[in-house]
């Protein structure tokens, strides 16, 4: 879960696994896999950062390691 802020200023938690897409219209609009849309105060870059952090924490983002020649 990530904490976001609704347009009315109320914080809420969102399950990142339910996010299908995030867009700016100019308000940040999050579309869930169910089709439901949520508009938040957070900007797109902040939402992306929070989602990526959570994915790393739960192990869904592999750590890429460059390996130079053998």
Protein backbone atom coordinates (compact mmCIF):
# COMPACT_ATOMS: atom_id res chain seq x y z
CA UNK A 1 0.00 0.00 0.00
CA UNK A 2 1.06 3.58 -0.66
CA UNK A 3 -0.30 6.70 1.00
CA UNK A 4 -1.77 9.31 -1.34
CA UNK A 5 -3.83 12.50 -0.85
CA UNK A 6 -7.32 12.93 -2.32
CA UNK A 7 -8.27 16.29 -3.84
CA UNK A 8 -10.19 17.12 -0.64
CA UNK A 9 -6.95 16.75 1.36
CA UNK A 10 -7.79 13.40 2.94
CA UNK A 11 -4.97 10.83 2.96
CA UNK A 12 -5.75 7.23 1.97
CA UNK A 13 -3.90 4.00 1.26
CA UNK A 14 -3.91 2.41 -2.18
CA UNK A 15 -2.89 -1.15 -3.06
CA UNK A 16 -0.25 -0.68 -5.78
CA UNK A 17 -1.08 -4.06 -7.33
CA UNK A 18 -4.47 -2.66 -8.39
CA UNK A 19 -3.03 0.23 -10.45
CA UNK A 20 -3.42 -0.08 -14.21
CA UNK A 21 -2.26 3.41 -15.24
CA UNK A 22 -1.45 6.87 -13.91
CA UNK A 23 -2.08 10.00 -15.99
CA UNK A 24 -2.12 13.79 -15.60
CA UNK A 25 -5.27 15.56 -16.90
CA UNK A 26 -3.80 17.99 -15.35
CA UNK A 27 -4.82 16.43 -12.02
CA UNK A 28 -3.18 13.06 -11.43
CA UNK A 29 -5.72 10.36 -12.29
CA UNK A 30 -5.10 6.76 -11.28
CA UNK A 31 -7.04 4.07 -13.13
CA UNK A 32 -7.39 0.77 -11.31
CA UNK A 33 -7.66 -2.65 -12.97
CA UNK A 34 -11.39 -2.56 -12.10
CA UNK A 35 -11.80 0.59 -14.22
CA UNK A 36 -12.38 2.83 -11.19
CA UNK A 37 -10.61 6.20 -11.42
CA UNK A 38 -9.14 8.04 -8.44
CA UNK A 39 -7.96 11.65 -8.64
CA UNK A 40 -5.19 12.65 -6.25
CA UNK A 41 -3.16 15.74 -5.32
CA UNK A 42 0.13 13.88 -5.69
CA UNK A 43 1.87 14.49 -9.00
CA UNK A 44 2.59 11.66 -11.46
CA UNK A 45 6.31 11.54 -10.64
CA UNK A 46 5.61 11.21 -6.92
CA UNK A 47 3.12 8.39 -7.52
CA UNK A 48 5.67 6.61 -9.74
CA UNK A 49 8.35 6.96 -7.06
CA UNK A 50 6.04 5.57 -4.34
CA UNK A 51 4.93 2.65 -6.53
CA UNK A 52 8.50 1.74 -7.48
CA UNK A 53 9.61 1.91 -3.84
CA UNK A 54 6.78 -0.40 -2.78
CA UNK A 55 7.52 -2.87 -5.61
CA UNK A 56 11.15 -3.02 -4.45
CA UNK A 57 10.07 -3.55 -0.84
CA UNK A 58 7.86 -6.51 -1.73
CA UNK A 59 10.38 -7.98 -4.16
CA UNK A 60 8.55 -7.40 -7.45
CA UNK A 61 11.36 -5.33 -8.96
CA UNK A 62 14.55 -7.24 -9.64
CA UNK A 63 17.80 -5.49 -8.93
CA UNK A 64 19.70 -5.14 -12.20
CA UNK A 65 23.42 -5.61 -11.86
CA UNK A 66 25.79 -4.86 -14.73
CA UNK A 67 28.42 -7.54 -15.10
CA UNK A 68 31.49 -6.59 -17.09
CA UNK A 69 33.08 -9.17 -19.42
CA UNK A 70 34.06 -12.57 -18.10
